[in-house]
Protein backbone atom coordinates (compact mmCIF):
# COMPACT_ATOMS: atom_id res chain seq x y z
CA UNK A 1 79.46 121.46 116.28
CA UNK A 2 83.16 122.18 116.48
CA UNK A 3 84.95 125.53 116.00
CA UNK A 4 85.91 124.80 112.32
CA UNK A 5 82.39 123.82 111.39
CA UNK A 6 80.89 126.90 113.10
CA UNK A 7 83.43 129.10 111.42
CA UNK A 8 82.72 127.55 107.97
CA UNK A 9 78.96 127.99 108.54
CA UNK A 10 79.31 131.61 109.55
CA UNK A 11 81.53 132.16 106.37
CA UNK A 12 78.99 130.50 104.15
CA UNK A 13 76.19 132.47 105.54
CA UNK A 14 78.09 135.79 105.04
CA UNK A 15 79.38 135.04 101.56
CA UNK A 16 75.83 133.92 100.39
CA UNK A 17 74.26 137.03 101.84
CA UNK A 18 76.91 138.99 99.93
CA UNK A 19 76.19 136.98 96.66
CA UNK A 20 72.48 137.59 97.02
CA UNK A 21 72.65 141.26 97.92
CA UNK A 22 75.29 141.95 95.20
CA UNK A 23 72.73 140.70 92.60
CA UNK A 24 70.07 143.03 93.98
CA UNK A 25 72.43 145.97 94.15
CA UNK A 26 73.67 145.38 90.64
CA UNK A 27 70.10 145.07 89.39
CA UNK A 28 69.06 148.25 91.05
CA UNK A 29 72.14 150.15 89.69
CA UNK A 30 71.47 148.73 86.18
CA UNK A 31 67.89 150.15 86.23
CA UNK A 32 69.23 153.46 87.42
CA UNK A 33 72.13 153.61 84.87
CA UNK A 34 74.59 153.91 87.65
CA UNK A 35 77.97 152.42 88.37
CA UNK A 36 77.76 148.55 88.22
CA UNK A 37 79.38 145.66 89.96
CA UNK A 38 81.87 143.95 87.70
CA UNK A 39 80.74 140.58 86.34
CA UNK A 40 84.08 139.09 87.43
CA UNK A 41 83.22 140.18 90.99
CA UNK A 42 79.82 138.53 90.86
CA UNK A 43 81.51 135.29 89.62
CA UNK A 44 84.22 135.54 92.30
CA UNK A 45 81.63 135.86 95.16
CA UNK A 46 79.82 132.83 93.74
CA UNK A 47 83.03 130.84 93.33
CA UNK A 48 84.15 131.58 96.86
CA UNK A 49 81.07 129.99 98.37
CA UNK A 50 78.27 132.37 97.60
CA UNK A 51 76.81 130.43 94.72
CA UNK A 52 73.50 129.65 96.42
CA UNK A 53 72.88 133.23 97.34
CA UNK A 54 73.93 134.44 93.92
CA UNK A 55 71.65 131.97 92.23
CA UNK A 56 68.72 132.94 94.45
CA UNK A 57 69.55 136.64 93.70
CA UNK A 58 69.52 135.93 89.97
CA UNK A 59 66.02 134.32 90.23
CA UNK A 60 64.45 136.74 92.74
CA UNK A 61 65.74 139.96 91.09
CA UNK A 62 65.58 138.52 87.56
CA UNK A 63 69.12 139.60 87.06
CA UNK A 64 71.69 138.07 84.67
CA UNK A 65 69.41 135.28 83.88
CA UNK A 66 69.76 135.66 80.02
CA UNK A 67 73.46 135.72 80.16
CA UNK A 68 74.75 132.31 79.13
CA UNK A 69 77.89 132.59 81.32
CA UNK A 70 75.79 133.19 84.41
CA UNK A 71 73.31 130.39 83.47
CA UNK A 72 76.21 127.78 83.27
CA UNK A 73 78.79 129.04 85.83
CA UNK A 74 76.77 129.90 88.83
CA UNK A 75 74.78 126.55 89.02
CA UNK A 76 78.14 124.80 88.24
CA UNK A 77 79.77 126.48 91.26
CA UNK A 78 76.80 125.46 93.35
CA UNK A 79 77.07 121.81 92.28
CA UNK A 80 80.81 121.78 92.79
CA UNK A 81 80.34 123.28 96.31
CA UNK A 82 77.69 120.73 97.15
CA UNK A 83 80.11 117.85 96.16
CA UNK A 84 82.91 119.45 98.17
CA UNK A 85 80.51 119.66 101.19
CA UNK A 86 79.41 115.97 100.79
CA UNK A 87 83.01 114.81 100.55
CA UNK A 88 83.84 116.84 103.72
CA UNK A 89 80.94 115.31 105.59
CA UNK A 90 81.67 111.78 104.55
CA UNK A 91 85.38 112.16 105.66
CA UNK A 92 84.35 113.38 109.14
């Protein structure tokens, strides 16, 4: 594994942990009626590579699962990222 691949793997690990934890934190804050994470921030994290973590966070924490925009966009980001990953691997 080269430096680029290692860096990309570390980035994806971090951004997916961020996506997962942000769903859990926002759910906890929602229950406590505290300050919340903006939906645009949750979408941005998913778009920037954290879609798998965000999707797992949605399912595990049962958070944002009834919001149509989250039902559509988060899985769409994941599919797009998988396609980009496959294209990257094929071109190697």
